Structure formats: structure tokens, C-alpha cells
PDB file of N, CA and C in Angstrom:
ATOM      1  N   MET A   1      13.481 -21.351  11.876  1.00  0.00           N
ATOM      2  CA  MET A   1      12.644 -22.509  12.074  1.00  0.00           C
ATOM      3  C   MET A   1      11.319 -22.295  11.331  1.00  0.00           C
ATOM      4  N   THR A   2      10.786 -23.353  10.744  1.00  0.00           N
ATOM      5  CA  THR A   2       9.505 -23.262  10.056  1.00  0.00           C
ATOM      6  C   THR A   2       8.473 -24.142  10.742  1.00  0.00           C
ATOM      7  N   HIS A   3       7.213 -23.805  10.497  1.00  0.00           N
ATOM      8  CA  HIS A   3       6.100 -24.566  11.052  1.00  0.00           C
ATOM      9  C   HIS A   3       5.135 -24.908   9.937  1.00  0.00           C
ATOM     10  N   LYS A   4       4.490 -26.042  10.088  1.00  0.00           N
ATOM     11  CA  LYS A   4       3.502 -26.500   9.118  1.00  0.00           C
ATOM     12  C   LYS A   4       2.175 -25.814   9.422  1.00  0.00           C
ATOM     13  N   VAL A   5       1.595 -25.188   8.408  1.00  0.00           N
ATOM     14  CA  VAL A   5       0.289 -24.544   8.536  1.00  0.00           C
ATOM     15  C   VAL A   5      -0.668 -25.249   7.588  1.00  0.00           C
ATOM     16  N   THR A   6      -1.774 -25.709   8.128  1.00  0.00           N
ATOM     17  CA  THR A   6      -2.796 -26.396   7.344  1.00  0.00           C
ATOM     18  C   THR A   6      -4.046 -25.534   7.299  1.00  0.00           C
ATOM     19  N   LEU A   7      -4.509 -25.248   6.096  1.00  0.00           N
ATOM     20  CA  LEU A   7      -5.783 -24.562   5.905  1.00  0.00           C
ATOM     21  C   LEU A   7      -6.812 -25.677   5.736  1.00  0.00           C
ATOM     22  N   ARG A   8      -7.428 -26.069   6.832  1.00  0.00           N
ATOM     23  CA  ARG A   8      -8.270 -27.262   6.851  1.00  0.00           C
ATOM     24  C   ARG A   8      -9.392 -27.229   5.822  1.00  0.00           C
ATOM     25  N   ASN A   9     -10.111 -26.108   5.757  1.00  0.00           N
ATOM     26  CA  ASN A   9     -11.243 -26.057   4.836  1.00  0.00           C
ATOM     27  C   ASN A   9     -10.831 -25.843   3.383  1.00  0.00           C
ATOM     28  N   ARG A  10      -9.551 -25.712   3.124  1.00  0.00           N
ATOM     29  CA  ARG A  10      -9.034 -25.652   1.745  1.00  0.00           C
ATOM     30  C   ARG A  10      -8.253 -26.905   1.384  1.00  0.00           C
ATOM     31  N   GLY A  11      -7.934 -27.737   2.385  1.00  0.00           N
ATOM     32  CA  GLY A  11      -7.174 -28.954   2.128  1.00  0.00           C
ATOM     33  C   GLY A  11      -5.757 -28.690   1.671  1.00  0.00           C
ATOM     34  N   VAL A  12      -5.128 -27.631   2.207  1.00  0.00           N
ATOM     35  CA  VAL A  12      -3.791 -27.216   1.782  1.00  0.00           C
ATOM     36  C   VAL A  12      -2.884 -27.122   3.007  1.00  0.00           C
ATOM     37  N   THR A  13      -1.639 -27.568   2.840  1.00  0.00           N
ATOM     38  CA  THR A  13      -0.627 -27.448   3.890  1.00  0.00           C
ATOM     39  C   THR A  13       0.635 -26.852   3.285  1.00  0.00           C
ATOM     40  N   PHE A  14       1.287 -25.951   4.019  1.00  0.00           N
ATOM     41  CA  PHE A  14       2.538 -25.337   3.576  1.00  0.00           C
ATOM     42  C   PHE A  14       3.355 -24.975   4.802  1.00  0.00           C
ATOM     43  N   HIS A  15       4.599 -24.619   4.589  1.00  0.00           N
ATOM     44  CA  HIS A  15       5.496 -24.272   5.697  1.00  0.00           C
ATOM     45  C   HIS A  15       5.677 -22.759   5.780  1.00  0.00           C
ATOM     46  N   VAL A  16       5.741 -22.283   7.021  1.00  0.00           N
ATOM     47  CA  VAL A  16       5.861 -20.849   7.278  1.00  0.00           C
ATOM     48  C   VAL A  16       6.983 -20.627   8.291  1.00  0.00           C
ATOM     49  N   ALA A  17       7.876 -19.702   7.975  1.00  0.00           N
ATOM     50  CA  ALA A  17       8.950 -19.351   8.918  1.00  0.00           C
ATOM     51  C   ALA A  17       8.346 -18.585  10.094  1.00  0.00           C
ATOM     52  N   GLU A  18       8.997 -18.698  11.254  1.00  0.00           N
ATOM     53  CA  GLU A  18       8.487 -18.024  12.458  1.00  0.00           C
ATOM     54  C   GLU A  18       8.416 -16.509  12.320  1.00  0.00           C
ATOM     55  N   ASP A  19       9.220 -15.933  11.434  1.00  0.00           N
ATOM     56  CA  ASP A  19       9.231 -14.482  11.274  1.00  0.00           C
ATOM     57  C   ASP A  19       8.453 -14.037  10.027  1.00  0.00           C
ATOM     58  N   GLU A  20       7.654 -14.934   9.473  1.00  0.00           N
ATOM     59  CA  GLU A  20       6.894 -14.648   8.253  1.00  0.00           C
ATOM     60  C   GLU A  20       5.394 -14.732   8.542  1.00  0.00           C
ATOM     61  N   PRO A  21       4.624 -13.720   8.165  1.00  0.00           N
ATOM     62  CA  PRO A  21       3.176 -13.808   8.350  1.00  0.00           C
ATOM     63  C   PRO A  21       2.588 -14.957   7.521  1.00  0.00           C
ATOM     64  N   ILE A  22       1.584 -15.597   8.060  1.00  0.00           N
ATOM     65  CA  ILE A  22       0.955 -16.726   7.370  1.00  0.00           C
ATOM     66  C   ILE A  22       0.429 -16.300   6.010  1.00  0.00           C
ATOM     67  N   TYR A  23      -0.146 -15.106   5.920  1.00  0.00           N
ATOM     68  CA  TYR A  23      -0.667 -14.636   4.636  1.00  0.00           C
ATOM     69  C   TYR A  23       0.446 -14.566   3.581  1.00  0.00           C
ATOM     70  N   ALA A  24       1.598 -14.026   3.944  1.00  0.00           N
ATOM     71  CA  ALA A  24       2.714 -13.889   2.992  1.00  0.00           C
ATOM     72  C   ALA A  24       3.193 -15.253   2.516  1.00  0.00           C
ATOM     73  N   ALA A  25       3.254 -16.225   3.436  1.00  0.00           N
ATOM     74  CA  ALA A  25       3.684 -17.566   3.053  1.00  0.00           C
ATOM     75  C   ALA A  25       2.662 -18.219   2.127  1.00  0.00           C
ATOM     76  N   ALA A  26       1.388 -18.031   2.405  1.00  0.00           N
ATOM     77  CA  ALA A  26       0.337 -18.580   1.539  1.00  0.00           C
ATOM     78  C   ALA A  26       0.460 -17.990   0.138  1.00  0.00           C
ATOM     79  N   LEU A  27       0.652 -16.686   0.052  1.00  0.00           N
ATOM     80  CA  LEU A  27       0.781 -16.017  -1.240  1.00  0.00           C
ATOM     81  C   LEU A  27       1.997 -16.549  -2.011  1.00  0.00           C
ATOM     82  N   ARG A  28       3.099 -16.742  -1.297  1.00  0.00           N
ATOM     83  CA  ARG A  28       4.301 -17.307  -1.906  1.00  0.00           C
ATOM     84  C   ARG A  28       4.026 -18.691  -2.500  1.00  0.00           C
ATOM     85  N   GLU A  29       3.116 -19.436  -1.870  1.00  0.00           N
ATOM     86  CA  GLU A  29       2.744 -20.772  -2.336  1.00  0.00           C
ATOM     87  C   GLU A  29       1.660 -20.739  -3.410  1.00  0.00           C
ATOM     88  N   GLY A  30       1.240 -19.532  -3.807  1.00  0.00           N
ATOM     89  CA  GLY A  30       0.214 -19.398  -4.835  1.00  0.00           C
ATOM     90  C   GLY A  30      -1.205 -19.478  -4.306  1.00  0.00           C
ATOM     91  N   ILE A  31      -1.369 -19.311  -3.004  1.00  0.00           N
ATOM     92  CA  ILE A  31      -2.685 -19.373  -2.371  1.00  0.00           C
ATOM     93  C   ILE A  31      -3.142 -17.948  -2.057  1.00  0.00           C
ATOM     94  N   GLN A  32      -4.161 -17.474  -2.741  1.00  0.00           N
ATOM     95  CA  GLN A  32      -4.680 -16.129  -2.494  1.00  0.00           C
ATOM     96  C   GLN A  32      -5.767 -16.198  -1.431  1.00  0.00           C
ATOM     97  N   LEU A  33      -5.580 -15.468  -0.359  1.00  0.00           N
ATOM     98  CA  LEU A  33      -6.548 -15.388   0.725  1.00  0.00           C
ATOM     99  C   LEU A  33      -7.091 -13.969   0.793  1.00  0.00           C
ATOM    100  N   PRO A  34      -8.251 -13.776   1.414  1.00  0.00           N
ATOM    101  CA  PRO A  34      -8.798 -12.421   1.546  1.00  0.00           C
ATOM    102  C   PRO A  34      -7.842 -11.522   2.329  1.00  0.00           C
ATOM    103  N   ILE A  35      -7.698 -10.285   1.855  1.00  0.00           N
ATOM    104  CA  ILE A  35      -6.832  -9.317   2.544  1.00  0.00           C
ATOM    105  C   ILE A  35      -7.260  -7.912   2.148  1.00  0.00           C
ATOM    106  N   ALA A  36      -7.013  -6.960   3.022  1.00  0.00           N
ATOM    107  CA  ALA A  36      -7.286  -5.556   2.699  1.00  0.00           C
ATOM    108  C   ALA A  36      -6.101  -4.701   3.134  1.00  0.00           C
ATOM    109  N   CYS A  37      -5.935  -4.484   4.429  1.00  0.00           N
ATOM    110  CA  CYS A  37      -4.922  -3.527   4.895  1.00  0.00           C
ATOM    111  C   CYS A  37      -3.501  -4.083   4.906  1.00  0.00           C
ATOM    112  N   ASN A  38      -3.321  -5.368   5.188  1.00  0.00           N
ATOM    113  CA  ASN A  38      -2.023  -6.031   5.282  1.00  0.00           C
ATOM    114  C   ASN A  38      -1.156  -5.508   6.432  1.00  0.00           C
ATOM    115  N   TYR A  39      -1.774  -4.955   7.494  1.00  0.00           N
ATOM    116  CA  TYR A  39      -1.002  -4.540   8.667  1.00  0.00           C
ATOM    117  C   TYR A  39      -1.733  -4.777   9.992  1.00  0.00           C
ATOM    118  N   GLY A  40      -2.818  -5.547   9.967  1.00  0.00           N
ATOM    119  CA  GLY A  40      -3.514  -5.883  11.211  1.00  0.00           C
ATOM    120  C   GLY A  40      -4.552  -4.884  11.659  1.00  0.00           C
ATOM    121  N   GLY A  41      -4.898  -3.925  10.804  1.00  0.00           N
ATOM    122  CA  GLY A  41      -5.837  -2.873  11.186  1.00  0.00           C
ATOM    123  C   GLY A  41      -7.280  -3.115  10.797  1.00  0.00           C
ATOM    124  N   CYS A  42      -7.554  -4.187  10.070  1.00  0.00           N
ATOM    125  CA  CYS A  42      -8.933  -4.521   9.715  1.00  0.00           C
ATOM    126  C   CYS A  42      -9.117  -6.016   9.975  1.00  0.00           C
ATOM    127  N   ILE A  43     -10.250  -6.568   9.680  1.00  0.00           N
ATOM    128  CA  ILE A  43     -10.432  -8.004   9.930  1.00  0.00           C
ATOM    129  C   ILE A  43     -10.762  -8.786   8.654  1.00  0.00           C
ATOM    130  N   THR A  44     -10.382  -8.235   7.521  1.00  0.00           N
ATOM    131  CA  THR A  44     -10.642  -8.914   6.254  1.00  0.00           C
ATOM    132  C   THR A  44      -9.959 -10.273   6.201  1.00  0.00           C
ATOM    133  N   CYS A  45      -8.767 -10.394   6.729  1.00  0.00           N
ATOM    134  CA  CYS A  45      -8.004 -11.642   6.661  1.00  0.00           C
ATOM    135  C   CYS A  45      -8.206 -12.534   7.883  1.00  0.00           C
ATOM    136  N   ALA A  46      -9.197 -12.223   8.717  1.00  0.00           N
ATOM    137  CA  ALA A  46      -9.418 -13.012   9.926  1.00  0.00           C
ATOM    138  C   ALA A  46      -9.689 -14.468   9.577  1.00  0.00           C
ATOM    139  N   ALA A  47      -9.137 -15.355  10.393  1.00  0.00           N
ATOM    140  CA  ALA A  47      -9.306 -16.791  10.218  1.00  0.00           C
ATOM    141  C   ALA A  47      -9.474 -17.419  11.602  1.00  0.00           C
ATOM    142  N   LYS A  48     -10.043 -18.604  11.632  1.00  0.00           N
ATOM    143  CA  LYS A  48     -10.291 -19.303  12.896  1.00  0.00           C
ATOM    144  C   LYS A  48      -9.169 -20.303  13.158  1.00  0.00           C
ATOM    145  N   MET A  49      -8.468 -20.101  14.262  1.00  0.00           N
ATOM    146  CA  MET A  49      -7.405 -21.007  14.680  1.00  0.00           C
ATOM    147  C   MET A  49      -8.045 -22.236  15.313  1.00  0.00           C
ATOM    148  N   LEU A  50      -7.778 -23.404  14.752  1.00  0.00           N
ATOM    149  CA  LEU A  50      -8.326 -24.653  15.277  1.00  0.00           C
ATOM    150  C   LEU A  50      -7.356 -25.327  16.227  1.00  0.00           C
ATOM    151  N   SER A  51      -6.069 -25.223  15.908  1.00  0.00           N
ATOM    152  CA  SER A  51      -5.029 -25.724  16.808  1.00  0.00           C
ATOM    153  C   SER A  51      -3.729 -25.009  16.481  1.00  0.00           C
ATOM    154  N   GLY A  52      -2.872 -24.925  17.488  1.00  0.00           N
ATOM    155  CA  GLY A  52      -1.591 -24.255  17.305  1.00  0.00           C
ATOM    156  C   GLY A  52      -1.550 -22.926  18.016  1.00  0.00           C
ATOM    157  N   LYS A  53      -0.469 -22.206  17.755  1.00  0.00           N
ATOM    158  CA  LYS A  53      -0.262 -20.919  18.425  1.00  0.00           C
ATOM    159  C   LYS A  53       0.481 -19.976  17.491  1.00  0.00           C
ATOM    160  N   VAL A  54       0.082 -18.697  17.516  1.00  0.00           N
ATOM    161  CA  VAL A  54       0.749 -17.653  16.739  1.00  0.00           C
ATOM    162  C   VAL A  54       1.021 -16.455  17.632  1.00  0.00           C
ATOM    163  N   ARG A  55       1.946 -15.622  17.188  1.00  0.00           N
ATOM    164  CA  ARG A  55       2.158 -14.293  17.781  1.00  0.00           C
ATOM    165  C   ARG A  55       1.549 -13.299  16.806  1.00  0.00           C
ATOM    166  N   GLN A  56       0.892 -12.264  17.324  1.00  0.00           N
ATOM    167  CA  GLN A  56       0.299 -11.228  16.479  1.00  0.00           C
ATOM    168  C   GLN A  56       0.668  -9.855  17.031  1.00  0.00           C
ATOM    169  N   PRO A  57       1.931  -9.483  16.923  1.00  0.00           N
ATOM    170  CA  PRO A  57       2.375  -8.231  17.556  1.00  0.00           C
ATOM    171  C   PRO A  57       1.688  -6.979  17.020  1.00  0.00           C
ATOM    172  N   LYS A  58       1.161  -7.032  15.812  1.00  0.00           N
ATOM    173  CA  LYS A  58       0.526  -5.838  15.236  1.00  0.00           C
ATOM    174  C   LYS A  58      -0.964  -6.056  14.993  1.00  0.00           C
ATOM    175  N   GLY A  59      -1.549  -7.084  15.564  1.00  0.00           N
ATOM    176  CA  GLY A  59      -2.952  -7.401  15.319  1.00  0.00           C
ATOM    177  C   GLY A  59      -3.894  -6.606  16.200  1.00  0.00           C
ATOM    178  N   THR A  60      -4.141  -5.371  15.836  1.00  0.00           N
ATOM    179  CA  THR A  60      -4.967  -4.495  16.667  1.00  0.00           C
ATOM    180  C   THR A  60      -6.454  -4.553  16.350  1.00  0.00           C
ATOM    181  N   ALA A  61      -6.848  -5.140  15.230  1.00  0.00           N
ATOM    182  CA  ALA A  61      -8.246  -5.085  14.795  1.00  0.00           C
ATOM    183  C   ALA A  61      -9.162  -6.042  15.548  1.00  0.00           C
ATOM    184  N   LEU A  62      -8.617  -7.088  16.142  1.00  0.00           N
ATOM    185  CA  LEU A  62      -9.463  -8.043  16.857  1.00  0.00           C
ATOM    186  C   LEU A  62      -9.729  -7.570  18.276  1.00  0.00           C
ATOM    187  N   ASN A  63     -10.999  -7.690  18.699  1.00  0.00           N
ATOM    188  CA  ASN A  63     -11.301  -7.364  20.091  1.00  0.00           C
ATOM    189  C   ASN A  63     -11.078  -8.602  20.959  1.00  0.00           C
ATOM    190  N   ARG A  64     -11.221  -8.454  22.244  1.00  0.00           N
ATOM    191  CA  ARG A  64     -10.945  -9.547  23.182  1.00  0.00           C
ATOM    192  C   ARG A  64     -11.842 -10.757  22.908  1.00  0.00           C
ATOM    193  N   ARG A  65     -13.126 -10.536  22.667  1.00  0.00           N
ATOM    194  CA  ARG A  65     -14.054 -11.638  22.411  1.00  0.00           C
ATOM    195  C   ARG A  65     -13.631 -12.426  21.178  1.00  0.00           C
ATOM    196  N   GLN A  66     -13.239 -11.721  20.122  1.00  0.00           N
ATOM    197  CA  GLN A  66     -12.826 -12.386  18.890  1.00  0.00           C
ATOM    198  C   GLN A  66     -11.540 -13.196  19.099  1.00  0.00           C
ATOM    199  N   SER A  67     -10.598 -12.626  19.824  1.00  0.00           N
ATOM    200  CA  SER A  67      -9.352 -13.345  20.116  1.00  0.00           C
ATOM    201  C   SER A  67      -9.624 -14.574  20.972  1.00  0.00           C
ATOM    202  N   GLN A  68     -10.484 -14.440  21.974  1.00  0.00           N
ATOM    203  CA  GLN A  68     -10.802 -15.572  22.838  1.00  0.00           C
ATOM    204  C   GLN A  68     -11.564 -16.658  22.081  1.00  0.00           C
ATOM    205  N   ALA A  69     -12.283 -16.276  21.027  1.00  0.00           N
ATOM    206  CA  ALA A  69     -12.993 -17.246  20.197  1.00  0.00           C
ATOM    207  C   ALA A  69     -12.045 -17.953  19.222  1.00  0.00           C
ATOM    208  N   GLY A  70     -10.772 -17.546  19.208  1.00  0.00           N
ATOM    209  CA  GLY A  70      -9.765 -18.225  18.397  1.00  0.00           C
ATOM    210  C   GLY A  70      -9.456 -17.578  17.064  1.00  0.00           C
ATOM    211  N   TYR A  71      -9.883 -16.340  16.862  1.00  0.00           N
ATOM    212  CA  TYR A  71      -9.604 -15.684  15.584  1.00  0.00           C
ATOM    213  C   TYR A  71      -8.216 -15.078  15.568  1.00  0.00           C
ATOM    214  N   ILE A  72      -7.599 -15.125  14.391  1.00  0.00           N
ATOM    215  CA  ILE A  72      -6.287 -14.537  14.177  1.00  0.00           C
ATOM    216  C   ILE A  72      -6.337 -13.712  12.901  1.00  0.00           C
ATOM    217  N   LEU A  73      -5.361 -12.836  12.731  1.00  0.00           N
ATOM    218  CA  LEU A  73      -5.243 -12.023  11.519  1.00  0.00           C
ATOM    219  C   LEU A  73      -4.069 -12.568  10.709  1.00  0.00           C
ATOM    220  N   LEU A  74      -4.371 -13.177   9.577  1.00  0.00           N
ATOM    221  CA  LEU A  74      -3.345 -13.856   8.795  1.00  0.00           C
ATOM    222  C   LEU A  74      -2.243 -12.927   8.300  1.00  0.00           C
ATOM    223  N   CYS A  75      -2.537 -11.636   8.123  1.00  0.00           N
ATOM    224  CA  CYS A  75      -1.525 -10.719   7.594  1.00  0.00           C
ATOM    225  C   CYS A  75      -0.428 -10.405   8.609  1.00  0.00           C
ATOM    226  N   VAL A  76      -0.689 -10.636   9.905  1.00  0.00           N
ATOM    227  CA  VAL A  76       0.329 -10.365  10.931  1.00  0.00           C
ATOM    228  C   VAL A  76       0.632 -11.578  11.810  1.00  0.00           C
ATOM    229  N   ALA A  77      -0.110 -12.680  11.637  1.00  0.00           N
ATOM    230  CA  ALA A  77       0.075 -13.864  12.476  1.00  0.00           C
ATOM    231  C   ALA A  77       1.373 -14.583  12.127  1.00  0.00           C
ATOM    232  N   LEU A  78       2.247 -14.712  13.114  1.00  0.00           N
ATOM    233  CA  LEU A  78       3.536 -15.391  12.977  1.00  0.00           C
ATOM    234  C   LEU A  78       3.444 -16.708  13.740  1.00  0.00           C
ATOM    235  N   PRO A  79       3.616 -17.844  13.066  1.00  0.00           N
ATOM    236  CA  PRO A  79       3.438 -19.125  13.759  1.00  0.00           C
ATOM    237  C   PRO A  79       4.521 -19.398  14.800  1.00  0.00           C
ATOM    238  N   VAL A  80       4.084 -19.947  15.920  1.00  0.00           N
ATOM    239  CA  VAL A  80       4.992 -20.359  16.987  1.00  0.00           C
ATOM    240  C   VAL A  80       5.055 -21.885  17.033  1.00  0.00           C
ATOM    241  N   THR A  81       3.987 -22.531  16.554  1.00  0.00           N
ATOM    242  CA  THR A  81       3.893 -23.989  16.470  1.00  0.00           C
ATOM    243  C   THR A  81       3.246 -24.335  15.131  1.00  0.00           C
ATOM    244  N   ASP A  82       3.124 -25.623  14.827  1.00  0.00           N
ATOM    245  CA  ASP A  82       2.311 -26.033  13.692  1.00  0.00           C
ATOM    246  C   ASP A  82       0.883 -25.570  13.970  1.00  0.00           C
ATOM    247  N   CYS A  83       0.162 -25.189  12.920  1.00  0.00           N
ATOM    248  CA  CYS A  83      -1.172 -24.623  13.081  1.00  0.00           C
ATOM    249  C   CYS A  83      -2.165 -25.248  12.112  1.00  0.00           C
ATOM    250  N   GLU A  84      -3.389 -25.368  12.570  1.00  0.00           N
ATOM    251  CA  GLU A  84      -4.496 -25.760  11.708  1.00  0.00           C
ATOM    252  C   GLU A  84      -5.521 -24.639  11.779  1.00  0.00           C
ATOM    253  N   ILE A  85      -5.941 -24.152  10.604  1.00  0.00           N
ATOM    254  CA  ILE A  85      -6.749 -22.942  10.513  1.00  0.00           C
ATOM    255  C   ILE A  85      -7.872 -23.152   9.508  1.00  0.00           C
ATOM    256  N   ASP A  86      -9.033 -22.552   9.771  1.00  0.00           N
ATOM    257  CA  ASP A  86     -10.088 -22.419   8.765  1.00  0.00           C
ATOM    258  C   ASP A  86     -10.037 -20.982   8.269  1.00  0.00           C
ATOM    259  N   VAL A  87     -10.131 -20.784   6.957  1.00  0.00           N
ATOM    260  CA  VAL A  87     -10.007 -19.456   6.367  1.00  0.00           C
ATOM    261  C   VAL A  87     -11.267 -19.075   5.596  1.00  0.00           C
ATOM    262  N   GLY A  88     -11.364 -17.786   5.257  1.00  0.00           N
ATOM    263  CA  GLY A  88     -12.473 -17.290   4.451  1.00  0.00           C
ATOM    264  C   GLY A  88     -13.735 -17.096   5.268  1.00  0.00           C
ATOM    265  N   VAL A  89     -14.782 -16.637   4.605  1.00  0.00           N
ATOM    266  CA  VAL A  89     -16.028 -16.323   5.306  1.00  0.00           C
ATOM    267  C   VAL A  89     -16.639 -17.549   5.963  1.00  0.00           C
ATOM    268  N   GLU A  90     -16.298 -18.737   5.480  1.00  0.00           N
ATOM    269  CA  GLU A  90     -16.809 -19.952   6.104  1.00  0.00           C
ATOM    270  C   GLU A  90     -16.373 -20.060   7.562  1.00  0.00           C
ATOM    271  N   SER A  91     -15.281 -19.425   7.919  1.00  0.00           N
ATOM    272  CA  SER A  91     -14.748 -19.500   9.281  1.00  0.00           C
ATOM    273  C   SER A  91     -15.268 -18.381  10.185  1.00  0.00           C
ATOM    274  N   HIS A  92     -16.098 -17.525   9.670  1.00  0.00           N
ATOM    275  CA  HIS A  92     -16.501 -16.323  10.410  1.00  0.00           C
ATOM    276  C   HIS A  92     -17.789 -16.465  11.213  1.00  0.00           C
ATOM    277  N   ASP A  93     -18.200 -17.675  11.541  1.00  0.00           N
ATOM    278  CA  ASP A  93     -19.469 -17.862  12.233  1.00  0.00           C
ATOM    279  C   ASP A  93     -19.551 -17.137  13.571  1.00  0.00           C
ATOM    280  N   GLN A  94     -18.440 -16.994  14.281  1.00  0.00           N
ATOM    281  CA  GLN A  94     -18.443 -16.311  15.580  1.00  0.00           C
ATOM    282  C   GLN A  94     -17.645 -15.009  15.557  1.00  0.00           C
ATOM    283  N   LEU A  95     -17.188 -14.595  14.388  1.00  0.00           N
ATOM    284  CA  LEU A  95     -16.377 -13.385  14.297  1.00  0.00           C
ATOM    285  C   LEU A  95     -17.197 -12.145  14.602  1.00  0.00           C
ATOM    286  N   TYR A  96     -18.359 -12.067  13.984  1.00  0.00           N
ATOM    287  CA  TYR A  96     -19.230 -10.909  14.172  1.00  0.00           C
ATOM    288  C   TYR A  96     -20.338 -11.268  15.137  1.00  0.00           C
ATOM    289  N   GLN A  97     -20.787 -10.287  15.901  1.00  0.00           N
ATOM    290  CA  GLN A  97     -21.875 -10.492  16.826  1.00  0.00           C
ATOM    291  C   GLN A  97     -22.886  -9.388  16.603  1.00  0.00           C
ATOM    292  N   ASN A  98     -24.106  -9.768  16.253  1.00  0.00           N
ATOM    293  CA  ASN A  98     -25.163  -8.794  16.017  1.00  0.00           C
ATOM    294  C   ASN A  98     -25.650  -8.260  17.359  1.00  0.00           C
ATOM    295  N   PRO A  99     -25.444  -6.989  17.651  1.00  0.00           N
ATOM    296  CA  PRO A  99     -25.850  -6.451  18.949  1.00  0.00           C
ATOM    297  C   PRO A  99     -27.372  -6.380  19.106  1.00  0.00           C
ATOM    298  N   PHE A 100     -28.111  -6.547  18.022  1.00  0.00           N
ATOM    299  CA  PHE A 100     -29.562  -6.471  18.078  1.00  0.00           C
ATOM    300  C   PHE A 100     -30.220  -7.851  18.074  1.00  0.00           C
ATOM    301  N   ALA A 101     -29.426  -8.887  17.997  1.00  0.00           N
ATOM    302  CA  ALA A 101     -29.965 -10.248  17.966  1.00  0.00           C
ATOM    303  C   ALA A 101     -30.528 -10.615  19.331  1.00  0.00           C
ATOM    304  N   VAL A 102     -31.560 -11.428  19.312  1.00  0.00           N
ATOM    305  CA  VAL A 102     -32.174 -11.902  20.543  1.00  0.00           C
ATOM    306  C   VAL A 102     -31.474 -13.207  20.924  1.00  0.00           C
ATOM    307  N   ALA A 103     -31.041 -13.285  22.162  1.00  0.00           N
ATOM    308  CA  ALA A 103     -30.360 -14.490  22.632  1.00  0.00           C
ATOM    309  C   ALA A 103     -31.323 -15.677  22.605  1.00  0.00           C
ATOM    310  N   PRO A 104     -30.825 -16.868  22.301  1.00  0.00           N
ATOM    311  CA  PRO A 104     -31.684 -18.055  22.308  1.00  0.00           C
ATOM    312  C   PRO A 104     -32.372 -18.214  23.659  1.00  0.00           C
ATOM    313  N   GLY A 105     -33.656 -18.436  23.651  1.00  0.00           N
ATOM    314  CA  GLY A 105     -34.420 -18.619  24.880  1.00  0.00           C
ATOM    315  C   GLY A 105     -34.896 -17.315  25.503  1.00  0.00           C
ATOM    316  N   ALA A 106     -34.445 -16.181  24.997  1.00  0.00           N
ATOM    317  CA  ALA A 106     -34.886 -14.892  25.558  1.00  0.00           C
ATOM    318  C   ALA A 106     -36.259 -14.542  25.007  1.00  0.00           C
ATOM    319  N   ARG A 107     -37.008 -13.814  25.792  1.00  0.00           N
ATOM    320  CA  ARG A 107     -38.352 -13.397  25.373  1.00  0.00           C
ATOM    321  C   ARG A 107     -38.307 -11.957  24.920  1.00  0.00           C
ATOM    322  N   LEU A 108     -39.019 -11.679  23.861  1.00  0.00           N
ATOM    323  CA  LEU A 108     -39.138 -10.309  23.370  1.00  0.00           C
ATOM    324  C   LEU A 108     -40.183  -9.570  24.201  1.00  0.00           C
ATOM    325  N   ARG A 109     -39.922  -8.319  24.493  1.00  0.00           N
ATOM    326  CA  ARG A 109     -40.899  -7.466  25.197  1.00  0.00           C
ATOM    327  C   ARG A 109     -41.817  -6.846  24.179  1.00  0.00           C
ATOM    328  N   ARG A 110     -43.051  -6.695  24.575  1.00  0.00           N
ATOM    329  CA  ARG A 110     -44.032  -6.044  23.702  1.00  0.00           C
ATOM    330  C   ARG A 110     -44.433  -4.726  24.245  1.00  0.00           C
TER     331      ARG A 110
END
């Protein structure tokens, strides 16, 4: 079975088999996305899931906060439904969290 995957911020849609990582299907379609390890051990290929569902049996690089924020690893993400995704650094607004940042409304101590 295949599912439709839309890269919203690229304006591209393609089909991905349930047993095929989204990154591999994109590459097959001539779409080069950021990648480094290709086994779920880094977050170079992280993307923001806007709708849909994937399985990520080998996606160890994402922490709980990142997963709950909707991030997936394209190199290991296997679609379970049709998916809409934002890719590239444009999608990383909530991926990283600066531990030294001051929360909005917080006061700095002097």
C-alpha cells in the first residue's frame, strides 16, 4: 500500500510505500533533502509533521519534546497514512531549544 506525502513548503507531492522511508522515496523522485546518518541517529533530516502518521522504529535521535512537537526523521519515517510535512531548516522553529534563553515574560536577575 502507498500513501501520498506532501512537502508543503516545497509544493511537492509523491507516493511512498508503507515499508519505504520518506527520504528514500523523495530521492527516488529526484527530490534531495538534508541527510547525514541515514539511520535515525542524528537530526539532520528532521521535518515537521503537519498531518498524518508515521512509524519510526529506528528513530532514536529525537527526544520526547521534539516528538511531541511533531518532528519526524525522514530517513526512518514509514508512512501509515497520507502525510503533510514541512522540510528543511524552515521547519525547525521548535526543534532546538536554547537552554540559556529567557522565557517570555521572565525577569532577569541582577
